[in-house]
């Protein structure tokens, strides 16, 4: 028996009505009988199409504000009946159930209601019940029924019907997509409810997403990969418009996200630039202009910046674009760019330019998820932050106003550096970064060496860390890391505190004449 199944009858019930009239017209032209519900039926009738309202099929009117309209054996029997099963056919004949060969449903806009700030009642009312039930029924019976949940698939289904019917391969692919959609929909609902009810870690946790971009490969060429957008929109790489350049890679996306999240930490009225390599910053700075911020960020580690990702927190202008175009860069991400900047970047045809139309709120809630063998580690995203009133000075010497400003800036940067993280800052610019070492002392030494290398590259007479401040993402377990920073030229330190040797570390800071702040907050980033 052929696996091609003709479509004689279709049920259409869509929330997103884009393209549905044209699709229905083509179905009618192919001899397909239309059944529909509520607003969809009214729209099709308005355009002169012969359509049977589902209430005619079921013998029941829509009721309870439309909550009950398709939950009926006349609908689900028509979707679930196996066509070559004699018992199913006998039941259909006994109860006058007609087969439904094609289901076209997209769901109530629950995710959009949440994203738009809908209150609890509005969100609940936009939880679709009949839609997912029909989708799952049709998908289960995909050997006989085709299910369409995405209007992007209208043309492929029409082309198949023009050739005589849907193939088994097409129906199976549509069924898989349908189940994935209802799973993502339920995940969005359950996660929203957990948040609304303040349940931090519910007994069951589901995750869903929509393919944003198919990628050539993952971190390495032998790994398959895709970029999925979650159900909670957040300004950044997932929502950005790519103005130019070749397709983004897995590593590009990972690094670009890290860069943009970092600059979003900075004050909105400041010009901030971050240069990222392998998810770690190799230079971060604030400047009088965007170009000034870029120049100061680049000065920190011009060697590592080669082939990096550059994020700006303000509109990309022509002078900044001109300066960036002098070095090899993979991606630039910014809230916006002026016409002149776009024209300058256009000369570098492979350079990706992403514009986001805004910055993410750095202190928003969200989830961070990581795979481990046999499961997932889930935590709230690190949205912790401190201000000048949240720190305590634990040394005899208080930091100066300039040191305090640099200390708070260094702390914000350290949050985005892989642990163990040591960040030297001077005049609102990083001048040495040590990242991802097994020993905090090693991170401190690496950062100091980077500072010396950068000084040599720019012709400075002394290491850039001379007269800087330093941030550590976690406490110093021993005084040696702190003393290494002092030897590199740091005059003030910011760290969480909390070590059993805090008194020893404080005494060492006092002896070296350093000012030291405790934050009481740690920022491990693994």
Protein backbone atom coordinates (compact mmCIF):
# COMPACT_ATOMS: atom_id res chain seq x y z
CA UNK A 1 0.00 0.00 0.00
CA UNK A 2 1.27 3.43 -0.90
CA UNK A 3 2.42 5.64 1.94
CA UNK A 4 0.92 8.68 0.16
CA UNK A 5 -2.26 9.78 1.91
CA UNK A 6 -4.72 12.10 0.15
CA UNK A 7 -6.43 14.84 2.13
CA UNK A 8 -10.20 15.03 1.80
CA UNK A 9 -11.01 16.96 4.97
CA UNK A 10 -9.00 19.49 7.00
CA UNK A 11 -9.64 21.11 10.37
CA UNK A 12 -8.19 24.63 10.68
CA UNK A 13 -8.01 26.42 14.03
CA UNK A 14 -5.27 29.02 14.31
CA UNK A 15 -4.39 31.83 16.67
CA UNK A 16 -1.81 33.27 14.26
CA UNK A 17 -3.89 33.77 11.13
CA UNK A 18 -1.04 34.98 8.91
CA UNK A 19 -1.38 33.21 5.57
CA UNK A 20 -4.31 31.03 6.60
CA UNK A 21 -6.80 32.46 4.07
CA UNK A 22 -4.48 31.88 1.09
CA UNK A 23 -3.67 28.40 2.38
CA UNK A 24 -7.36 27.54 2.81
CA UNK A 25 -8.17 28.85 -0.67
CA UNK A 26 -5.59 26.50 -2.15
CA UNK A 27 -6.96 23.60 -0.13
CA UNK A 28 -10.44 24.26 -1.50
CA UNK A 29 -9.03 24.44 -5.02
CA UNK A 30 -7.61 20.96 -4.42
CA UNK A 31 -11.04 19.67 -3.39
CA UNK A 32 -10.48 19.65 0.39
CA UNK A 33 -13.48 20.14 2.70
CA UNK A 34 -12.85 22.73 5.45
CA UNK A 35 -13.85 22.50 9.12
CA UNK A 36 -12.95 25.35 11.42
CA UNK A 37 -13.53 27.04 14.77
CA UNK A 38 -14.61 30.45 16.03
CA UNK A 39 -12.53 33.30 14.67
CA UNK A 40 -10.81 31.18 12.04
CA UNK A 41 -14.15 29.99 10.64
CA UNK A 42 -15.48 33.55 10.58
CA UNK A 43 -12.39 34.80 8.74
CA UNK A 44 -12.59 32.07 6.11
CA UNK A 45 -16.32 32.69 5.61
CA UNK A 46 -15.66 36.40 5.19
CA UNK A 47 -13.46 35.53 2.24
CA UNK A 48 -16.19 33.47 0.61
CA UNK A 49 -14.91 30.03 1.51
CA UNK A 50 -17.30 27.18 2.27
CA UNK A 51 -16.45 26.15 5.81
CA UNK A 52 -18.22 23.98 8.37
CA UNK A 53 -18.05 25.27 11.91
CA UNK A 54 -16.83 22.64 14.36
CA UNK A 55 -20.06 23.05 16.35
CA UNK A 56 -21.92 21.61 13.33
CA UNK A 57 -19.60 18.61 13.46
CA UNK A 58 -19.92 17.98 17.20
CA UNK A 59 -23.54 19.03 17.70
CA UNK A 60 -22.41 21.25 20.59
CA UNK A 61 -21.85 24.99 20.56
CA UNK A 62 -18.61 26.57 21.73
CA UNK A 63 -19.03 27.23 25.44
CA UNK A 64 -17.29 28.61 28.50
CA UNK A 65 -15.72 31.50 26.58
CA UNK A 66 -14.35 29.11 23.98
CA UNK A 67 -12.63 26.84 26.51
CA UNK A 68 -14.73 23.92 25.26
CA UNK A 69 -15.16 23.53 21.53
CA UNK A 70 -12.96 20.76 20.08
CA UNK A 71 -12.73 18.39 23.06
CA UNK A 72 -15.23 15.96 21.56
CA UNK A 73 -15.20 12.42 20.08
CA UNK A 74 -16.37 13.75 16.71
CA UNK A 75 -13.09 15.68 16.49
CA UNK A 76 -10.69 13.32 18.23
CA UNK A 77 -12.25 10.24 16.68
CA UNK A 78 -11.73 11.77 13.25
CA UNK A 79 -8.09 12.45 14.08
CA UNK A 80 -7.21 9.24 15.92
CA UNK A 81 -9.01 6.58 13.89
CA UNK A 82 -6.60 4.21 12.14
CA UNK A 83 -7.88 4.06 8.59
CA UNK A 84 -7.13 0.39 7.90
CA UNK A 85 -8.27 -0.87 11.33
CA UNK A 86 -11.65 -2.56 10.95
CA UNK A 87 -12.70 -1.97 14.56
CA UNK A 88 -11.88 1.74 14.26
CA UNK A 89 -13.79 1.96 11.02
CA UNK A 90 -16.79 0.22 12.56
CA UNK A 91 -16.77 2.67 15.49
CA UNK A 92 -16.60 5.62 13.10
CA UNK A 93 -19.52 4.27 11.10
CA UNK A 94 -21.58 3.51 14.22
CA UNK A 95 -21.14 7.04 15.57
CA UNK A 96 -21.13 8.92 12.26
CA UNK A 97 -17.55 10.12 12.80
CA UNK A 98 -15.90 11.50 9.68
CA UNK A 99 -12.13 11.22 9.18
CA UNK A 100 -10.01 14.36 9.42
CA UNK A 101 -6.90 14.00 7.25
CA UNK A 102 -5.16 17.29 7.94
CA UNK A 103 -5.02 19.34 11.15
CA UNK A 104 -3.81 22.94 11.03
CA UNK A 105 -3.40 24.43 14.51
CA UNK A 106 -1.18 27.01 16.13
CA UNK A 107 -1.54 27.68 19.79
CA UNK A 108 -2.84 30.54 21.91
CA UNK A 109 -0.05 33.12 22.30
CA UNK A 110 0.93 32.18 25.83
CA UNK A 111 4.62 33.07 25.46
CA UNK A 112 3.76 36.44 23.90
CA UNK A 113 1.32 37.18 26.74
CA UNK A 114 4.02 36.52 29.33
CA UNK A 115 6.61 38.52 27.38
CA UNK A 116 4.14 41.40 27.13
CA UNK A 117 3.78 41.57 30.90
CA UNK A 118 0.34 39.98 31.17
CA UNK A 119 -0.97 39.47 34.68
CA UNK A 120 -1.55 36.02 36.16
CA UNK A 121 -5.17 35.77 34.99
CA UNK A 122 -4.34 36.87 31.44
CA UNK A 123 -1.51 34.34 31.22
CA UNK A 124 -3.74 31.52 32.46
CA UNK A 125 -6.46 32.43 29.96
CA UNK A 126 -3.89 32.16 27.16
CA UNK A 127 -3.04 28.56 28.03
CA UNK A 128 -4.38 26.53 25.11
CA UNK A 129 -6.09 23.22 25.95
CA UNK A 130 -7.94 22.06 22.86
CA UNK A 131 -5.08 22.95 20.52
CA UNK A 132 -2.42 20.77 22.18
CA UNK A 133 -4.94 17.95 22.59
CA UNK A 134 -5.74 17.94 18.87
CA UNK A 135 -2.09 18.32 17.89
CA UNK A 136 -1.05 15.35 19.99
CA UNK A 137 -3.92 13.25 18.64
CA UNK A 138 -3.08 14.00 15.02
CA UNK A 139 0.64 13.51 15.63
CA UNK A 140 0.03 10.13 17.27
CA UNK A 141 -1.92 9.03 14.18
CA UNK A 142 0.65 10.43 11.72
CA UNK A 143 0.54 7.29 9.61
CA UNK A 144 -2.84 8.58 8.40
CA UNK A 145 -3.04 12.25 9.42
CA UNK A 146 -0.82 15.24 8.68
CA UNK A 147 -0.49 17.89 11.40
CA UNK A 148 0.62 21.46 10.68
CA UNK A 149 1.62 23.71 13.58
CA UNK A 150 3.84 26.19 11.71
CA UNK A 151 2.70 28.35 8.81
CA UNK A 152 6.24 28.08 7.40
CA UNK A 153 5.22 24.56 6.35
CA UNK A 154 2.11 25.57 4.39
CA UNK A 155 3.84 25.58 1.01
CA UNK A 156 5.48 22.17 1.45
CA UNK A 157 2.16 20.56 2.37
CA UNK A 158 0.37 22.21 -0.54
CA UNK A 159 3.05 20.99 -2.93
CA UNK A 160 2.60 17.45 -1.61
CA UNK A 161 -1.19 17.62 -1.97
CA UNK A 162 -0.81 18.83 -5.54
CA UNK A 163 1.12 15.60 -6.19
CA UNK A 164 -1.65 13.45 -4.69
CA UNK A 165 -1.12 13.57 -0.93
CA UNK A 166 1.29 13.70 1.98
CA UNK A 167 4.08 11.15 2.16
CA UNK A 168 4.91 9.12 5.24
CA UNK A 169 8.25 10.91 5.53
CA UNK A 170 6.55 14.33 5.53
CA UNK A 171 3.90 13.27 8.04
CA UNK A 172 6.52 11.89 10.40
CA UNK A 173 8.59 15.06 10.23
CA UNK A 174 5.50 17.16 10.86
CA UNK A 175 4.52 14.95 13.80
CA UNK A 176 7.96 15.28 15.39
CA UNK A 177 7.76 19.06 15.03
CA UNK A 178 4.27 19.05 16.52
CA UNK A 179 5.31 17.11 19.62
CA UNK A 180 8.34 19.36 20.07
CA UNK A 181 6.08 22.42 19.87
CA UNK A 182 3.63 21.17 22.49
CA UNK A 183 6.56 20.16 24.70
CA UNK A 184 8.10 23.63 24.42
CA UNK A 185 4.69 25.19 25.04
CA UNK A 186 4.16 23.15 28.21
CA UNK A 187 7.72 23.93 29.32
CA UNK A 188 7.03 27.66 28.96
CA UNK A 189 3.84 27.32 31.02
CA UNK A 190 5.41 25.22 33.78
CA UNK A 191 8.44 27.49 34.09
CA UNK A 192 6.25 30.61 34.15
CA UNK A 193 4.11 29.08 36.89
CA UNK A 194 7.19 28.13 38.91
CA UNK A 195 8.32 31.75 38.75
CA UNK A 196 4.88 33.18 39.47
CA UNK A 197 4.53 30.91 42.50
CA UNK A 198 8.11 31.55 43.63
CA UNK A 199 9.09 27.88 43.37
CA UNK A 200 12.83 28.10 42.78
CA UNK A 201 13.49 24.43 42.05
CA UNK A 202 10.27 22.55 41.19
CA UNK A 203 10.20 18.71 41.37
CA UNK A 204 10.11 18.54 37.56
CA UNK A 205 11.77 21.01 35.19
CA UNK A 206 11.22 21.20 31.44
CA UNK A 207 13.08 23.22 28.82
CA UNK A 208 12.02 24.13 25.32
CA UNK A 209 13.16 26.31 22.47
CA UNK A 210 12.72 27.10 18.80
CA UNK A 211 15.51 26.65 16.31
CA UNK A 212 16.89 30.10 15.63
CA UNK A 213 19.74 28.98 13.42
CA UNK A 214 21.17 25.69 12.20
CA UNK A 215 24.94 25.78 12.68
CA UNK A 216 27.63 24.20 10.50
CA UNK A 217 29.02 22.45 13.58
CA UNK A 218 29.54 22.88 17.30
CA UNK A 219 32.69 23.72 19.23
CA UNK A 220 34.52 21.34 16.89
CA UNK A 221 33.78 20.21 13.31
CA UNK A 222 32.78 16.68 14.37
CA UNK A 223 29.95 18.02 16.61
CA UNK A 224 26.48 18.87 15.28
CA UNK A 225 24.88 22.02 16.68
CA UNK A 226 21.92 24.39 16.52
CA UNK A 227 21.06 27.70 18.13
CA UNK A 228 17.67 27.66 19.88
CA UNK A 229 15.76 30.65 21.21
CA UNK A 230 14.12 30.18 24.60
CA UNK A 231 10.64 31.22 25.66
CA UNK A 232 11.82 34.32 27.57
CA UNK A 233 13.05 37.02 25.16
CA UNK A 234 16.20 38.85 26.28
CA UNK A 235 18.06 41.48 24.29
CA UNK A 236 21.23 39.99 22.91
CA UNK A 237 22.57 37.57 20.37
CA UNK A 238 19.31 35.57 20.17
CA UNK A 239 17.25 38.64 19.23
CA UNK A 240 19.87 40.58 17.27
CA UNK A 241 19.61 41.56 13.62
CA UNK A 242 22.65 40.44 11.66
CA UNK A 243 23.43 43.35 9.37
CA UNK A 244 26.27 41.71 7.48
CA UNK A 245 28.94 39.03 7.53
CA UNK A 246 29.06 35.27 7.22
CA UNK A 247 26.94 32.97 9.36
CA UNK A 248 27.67 32.83 13.06
CA UNK A 249 29.36 29.74 14.45
CA UNK A 250 28.71 28.00 17.76
CA UNK A 251 31.81 29.61 19.28
CA UNK A 252 30.91 33.02 17.85
CA UNK A 253 27.49 32.87 19.51
CA UNK A 254 28.90 31.74 22.84
CA UNK A 255 31.56 34.46 22.89
CA UNK A 256 29.23 37.18 21.61
CA UNK A 257 26.76 36.43 24.39
CA UNK A 258 29.55 36.68 26.96
CA UNK A 259 30.69 40.02 25.54
CA UNK A 260 27.26 41.62 25.40
CA UNK A 261 26.27 40.46 28.87
CA UNK A 262 29.46 42.05 30.22
CA UNK A 263 28.91 45.51 28.69
CA UNK A 264 25.29 45.42 29.85
CA UNK A 265 26.63 45.56 33.42
CA UNK A 266 27.98 49.05 32.84
CA UNK A 267 26.11 52.28 33.49
CA UNK A 268 23.83 53.18 30.60
CA UNK A 269 25.26 56.71 30.33
CA UNK A 270 28.86 55.45 30.00
CA UNK A 271 30.65 54.34 26.85
CA UNK A 272 31.74 50.74 27.44
CA UNK A 273 33.64 48.26 25.29
CA UNK A 274 34.48 44.61 25.93
CA UNK A 275 36.76 42.44 23.80
CA UNK A 276 36.21 38.70 24.32
CA UNK A 277 38.27 35.68 23.34
CA UNK A 278 37.14 32.14 24.18
CA UNK A 279 34.38 33.49 26.47
CA UNK A 280 36.89 35.47 28.58
CA UNK A 281 37.44 39.22 28.38
CA UNK A 282 40.90 40.25 27.20
CA UNK A 283 40.07 43.94 27.57
CA UNK A 284 37.22 45.99 29.06
CA UNK A 285 37.03 49.75 29.43
CA UNK A 286 34.90 52.82 29.88
CA UNK A 287 35.75 55.89 27.83
CA UNK A 288 34.78 59.45 27.00
CA UNK A 289 33.59 58.16 23.61
CA UNK A 290 32.97 54.75 22.11
CA UNK A 291 36.27 54.98 20.23
CA UNK A 292 38.09 55.90 23.45
CA UNK A 293 36.55 52.91 25.26
CA UNK A 294 37.65 50.60 22.44
CA UNK A 295 41.21 51.97 22.42
CA UNK A 296 41.54 51.50 26.18
CA UNK A 297 40.09 47.97 26.03
CA UNK A 298 42.43 47.00 23.19
CA UNK A 299 45.45 48.33 25.08
CA UNK A 300 44.97 45.71 27.83
CA UNK A 301 45.87 42.74 25.60
CA UNK A 302 46.23 43.61 21.91
CA UNK A 303 47.65 40.16 21.08
CA UNK A 304 44.68 38.20 22.44
CA UNK A 305 42.24 40.65 20.84
CA UNK A 306 43.16 39.28 17.40
CA UNK A 307 40.13 37.35 16.10
CA UNK A 308 38.02 38.37 19.07
CA UNK A 309 34.47 39.54 19.67
CA UNK A 310 33.79 43.22 20.37
CA UNK A 311 30.74 44.44 22.28
CA UNK A 312 29.69 48.05 22.73
CA UNK A 313 26.96 49.34 25.03
CA UNK A 314 26.30 52.42 22.87
CA UNK A 315 25.66 53.06 19.19
CA UNK A 316 28.58 52.11 16.97
CA UNK A 317 29.86 55.27 15.27
CA UNK A 318 32.23 55.86 12.37
CA UNK A 319 35.41 56.60 14.39
CA UNK A 320 34.95 53.41 16.42
CA UNK A 321 34.16 51.35 13.32
CA UNK A 322 37.28 52.74 11.64
CA UNK A 323 39.45 51.76 14.61
CA UNK A 324 37.92 48.28 14.87
CA UNK A 325 38.43 47.64 11.17
CA UNK A 326 42.19 47.95 11.66
CA UNK A 327 42.31 44.61 13.53
CA UNK A 328 40.95 41.19 12.63
CA UNK A 329 37.62 40.79 14.43
CA UNK A 330 35.02 38.03 14.19
CA UNK A 331 31.90 39.81 15.50
CA UNK A 332 30.78 43.26 16.59
CA UNK A 333 27.61 43.50 18.68
CA UNK A 334 26.03 46.79 19.70
CA UNK A 335 22.58 48.24 20.39
CA UNK A 336 22.73 50.22 17.14
CA UNK A 337 25.08 51.60 14.48
CA UNK A 338 24.96 54.73 12.37
CA UNK A 339 25.00 54.64 8.59
CA UNK A 340 28.63 55.71 8.29
CA UNK A 341 29.74 52.95 10.68
CA UNK A 342 27.82 50.34 8.69
CA UNK A 343 29.47 51.52 5.47
CA UNK A 344 32.93 51.23 7.04
CA UNK A 345 32.25 47.74 8.38
CA UNK A 346 30.81 46.70 5.00
CA UNK A 347 34.34 46.79 3.57
CA UNK A 348 35.07 43.75 5.75
CA UNK A 349 32.60 41.35 4.12
CA UNK A 350 33.18 38.46 6.55
CA UNK A 351 32.92 40.59 9.71
CA UNK A 352 29.58 39.99 11.42
CA UNK A 353 27.73 43.05 12.68
CA UNK A 354 24.86 42.38 15.10
CA UNK A 355 22.46 45.08 16.29
CA UNK A 356 20.17 44.41 19.24
CA UNK A 357 18.01 47.55 19.56
CA UNK A 358 18.81 47.72 23.26
CA UNK A 359 20.67 46.17 26.18
CA UNK A 360 19.60 43.28 28.41
CA UNK A 361 18.80 44.16 32.01
CA UNK A 362 21.79 42.72 33.88
CA UNK A 363 19.83 42.01 37.05
CA UNK A 364 16.91 40.17 35.45
CA UNK A 365 15.97 36.72 36.70
CA UNK A 366 16.59 33.70 34.54
CA UNK A 367 17.95 30.18 34.56
CA UNK A 368 21.38 28.81 33.78
CA UNK A 369 21.47 25.19 32.61
CA UNK A 370 24.39 22.84 32.13
CA UNK A 371 24.50 19.18 31.11
CA UNK A 372 26.14 16.58 33.32
CA UNK A 373 26.12 12.82 32.87
CA UNK A 374 22.53 11.69 33.28
CA UNK A 375 21.01 15.06 34.06
CA UNK A 376 21.18 18.83 34.28
CA UNK A 377 22.53 21.36 36.71
CA UNK A 378 20.08 24.25 37.00
CA UNK A 379 20.56 27.50 38.86
CA UNK A 380 19.32 31.06 38.79
CA UNK A 381 21.53 33.19 36.53
CA UNK A 382 24.13 35.21 38.42
CA UNK A 383 22.34 38.54 38.62
CA UNK A 384 24.00 39.54 41.87
CA UNK A 385 25.40 43.06 42.03
CA UNK A 386 26.84 45.44 44.57
CA UNK A 387 27.15 49.19 44.94
CA UNK A 388 29.26 51.46 47.06
CA UNK A 389 26.95 50.96 50.05
CA UNK A 390 27.29 47.16 49.90
CA UNK A 391 31.03 46.90 50.53
CA UNK A 392 33.01 47.16 53.75
CA UNK A 393 36.60 48.33 54.11
CA UNK A 394 38.52 45.85 56.29
CA UNK A 395 41.96 47.52 56.22
CA UNK A 396 43.43 50.46 58.03
CA UNK A 397 43.68 52.43 54.80
CA UNK A 398 40.47 53.44 53.07
CA UNK A 399 40.43 53.49 49.26
CA UNK A 400 40.52 56.88 47.59
CA UNK A 401 37.53 58.03 45.52
CA UNK A 402 39.38 57.12 42.31
CA UNK A 403 40.32 53.71 43.69
CA UNK A 404 36.74 53.08 44.78
CA UNK A 405 35.47 53.84 41.30
CA UNK A 406 38.01 51.45 39.76
CA UNK A 407 37.34 48.77 42.38
CA UNK A 408 33.62 48.66 41.59
CA UNK A 409 34.39 48.55 37.85
CA UNK A 410 36.90 45.72 38.38
CA UNK A 411 34.32 43.79 40.39
CA UNK A 412 31.79 44.01 37.57
CA UNK A 413 34.35 42.71 35.09
CA UNK A 414 35.53 39.89 37.37
CA UNK A 415 31.97 38.54 37.43
CA UNK A 416 32.37 37.74 33.73
CA UNK A 417 35.85 36.16 33.90
CA UNK A 418 36.29 32.40 34.27
CA UNK A 419 37.37 31.33 37.75
CA UNK A 420 39.86 31.70 39.25
CA UNK A 421 39.57 35.32 38.15
CA UNK A 422 41.97 38.19 38.86
CA UNK A 423 41.34 41.56 37.20
CA UNK A 424 43.63 44.60 37.37
CA UNK A 425 41.99 47.94 36.58
CA UNK A 426 43.35 51.45 36.23
CA UNK A 427 41.37 54.54 35.22
CA UNK A 428 38.25 52.51 34.34
CA UNK A 429 40.07 50.10 32.05
CA UNK A 430 41.41 46.61 32.58
CA UNK A 431 45.20 46.47 32.48
CA UNK A 432 45.68 42.78 33.24
CA UNK A 433 43.36 39.75 33.41
CA UNK A 434 44.09 36.28 34.73
CA UNK A 435 41.39 33.71 34.00
CA UNK A 436 40.54 30.06 34.47
CA UNK A 437 43.57 28.93 36.48
CA UNK A 438 43.56 26.19 39.08
CA UNK A 439 45.37 28.50 41.51
CA UNK A 440 44.38 32.06 42.34
CA UNK A 441 48.08 32.84 42.72
CA UNK A 442 48.67 31.69 39.14
CA UNK A 443 45.82 33.90 37.92
CA UNK A 444 47.38 36.86 39.72
CA UNK A 445 50.78 36.20 38.19
CA UNK A 446 49.35 35.72 34.70
CA UNK A 447 47.41 38.99 34.97
CA UNK A 448 50.58 40.79 36.07
CA UNK A 449 52.53 39.31 33.19
CA UNK A 450 49.80 40.36 30.74
CA UNK A 451 50.08 43.86 32.16
CA UNK A 452 53.83 43.90 31.54
CA UNK A 453 53.37 42.55 28.02
CA UNK A 454 50.77 45.21 27.22
CA UNK A 455 53.09 47.93 28.53
CA UNK A 456 55.84 46.72 26.24
CA UNK A 457 53.45 46.60 23.26
CA UNK A 458 52.37 50.21 23.74
CA UNK A 459 55.80 51.55 24.72
CA UNK A 460 54.95 52.34 28.34
CA UNK A 461 57.87 52.72 30.73
CA UNK A 462 56.27 50.61 33.48
CA UNK A 463 53.76 47.72 33.66
CA UNK A 464 50.21 48.94 33.22
CA UNK A 465 49.26 47.40 36.57
CA UNK A 466 51.47 49.89 38.40
CA UNK A 467 49.08 51.99 40.50
CA UNK A 468 46.06 49.80 39.62
CA UNK A 469 43.40 48.14 41.75
CA UNK A 470 42.61 44.42 41.63
CA UNK A 471 39.44 42.33 41.90
CA UNK A 472 39.26 38.67 42.84
CA UNK A 473 36.06 36.75 42.11
CA UNK A 474 36.44 34.70 45.31
CA UNK A 475 38.35 35.05 48.55
CA UNK A 476 42.13 34.75 48.81
CA UNK A 477 42.72 31.46 50.66
CA UNK A 478 46.23 32.62 51.49
CA UNK A 479 48.01 35.95 51.55
CA UNK A 480 50.31 34.98 48.66
CA UNK A 481 47.82 35.92 45.92
CA UNK A 482 47.22 39.29 47.49
CA UNK A 483 50.95 39.92 47.92
CA UNK A 484 51.52 38.96 44.27
CA UNK A 485 49.02 41.65 43.28
CA UNK A 486 50.82 44.18 45.48
CA UNK A 487 54.15 43.27 43.88
CA UNK A 488 52.57 43.88 40.47
CA UNK A 489 51.73 47.43 41.57
CA UNK A 490 48.15 47.17 42.85
CA UNK A 491 47.22 49.63 45.61
CA UNK A 492 43.71 48.41 46.49
CA UNK A 493 41.82 45.15 46.40
CA UNK A 494 38.19 44.06 46.25
CA UNK A 495 37.24 40.48 47.12
CA UNK A 496 34.34 38.60 48.75
CA UNK A 497 36.08 37.65 52.01
CA UNK A 498 35.01 34.60 53.96
CA UNK A 499 38.25 32.65 54.14
CA UNK A 500 39.29 31.04 57.43
CA UNK A 501 42.50 33.03 56.91
CA UNK A 502 40.83 36.41 56.39
CA UNK A 503 42.66 37.87 59.38
CA UNK A 504 46.00 36.76 57.92
CA UNK A 505 45.10 38.26 54.54
CA UNK A 506 43.92 41.55 56.11
CA UNK A 507 47.14 41.79 58.13
CA UNK A 508 49.20 41.26 54.97
CA UNK A 509 47.20 44.00 53.21
CA UNK A 510 47.77 46.39 56.10
CA UNK A 511 51.48 45.62 56.15
CA UNK A 512 51.71 46.33 52.42
CA UNK A 513 49.74 49.57 52.81
CA UNK A 514 46.84 48.33 50.68
CA UNK A 515 43.18 49.26 50.93
CA UNK A 516 40.88 46.25 50.79
CA UNK A 517 37.12 45.90 50.43
CA UNK A 518 34.99 42.86 51.23
CA UNK A 519 31.81 42.38 49.18
CA UNK A 520 30.29 39.37 50.93
CA UNK A 521 29.36 38.09 47.45
CA UNK A 522 31.23 35.58 45.28
CA UNK A 523 31.15 35.37 41.48
CA UNK A 524 32.48 31.93 40.47
CA UNK A 525 32.09 31.38 36.72
CA UNK A 526 32.96 27.90 35.51
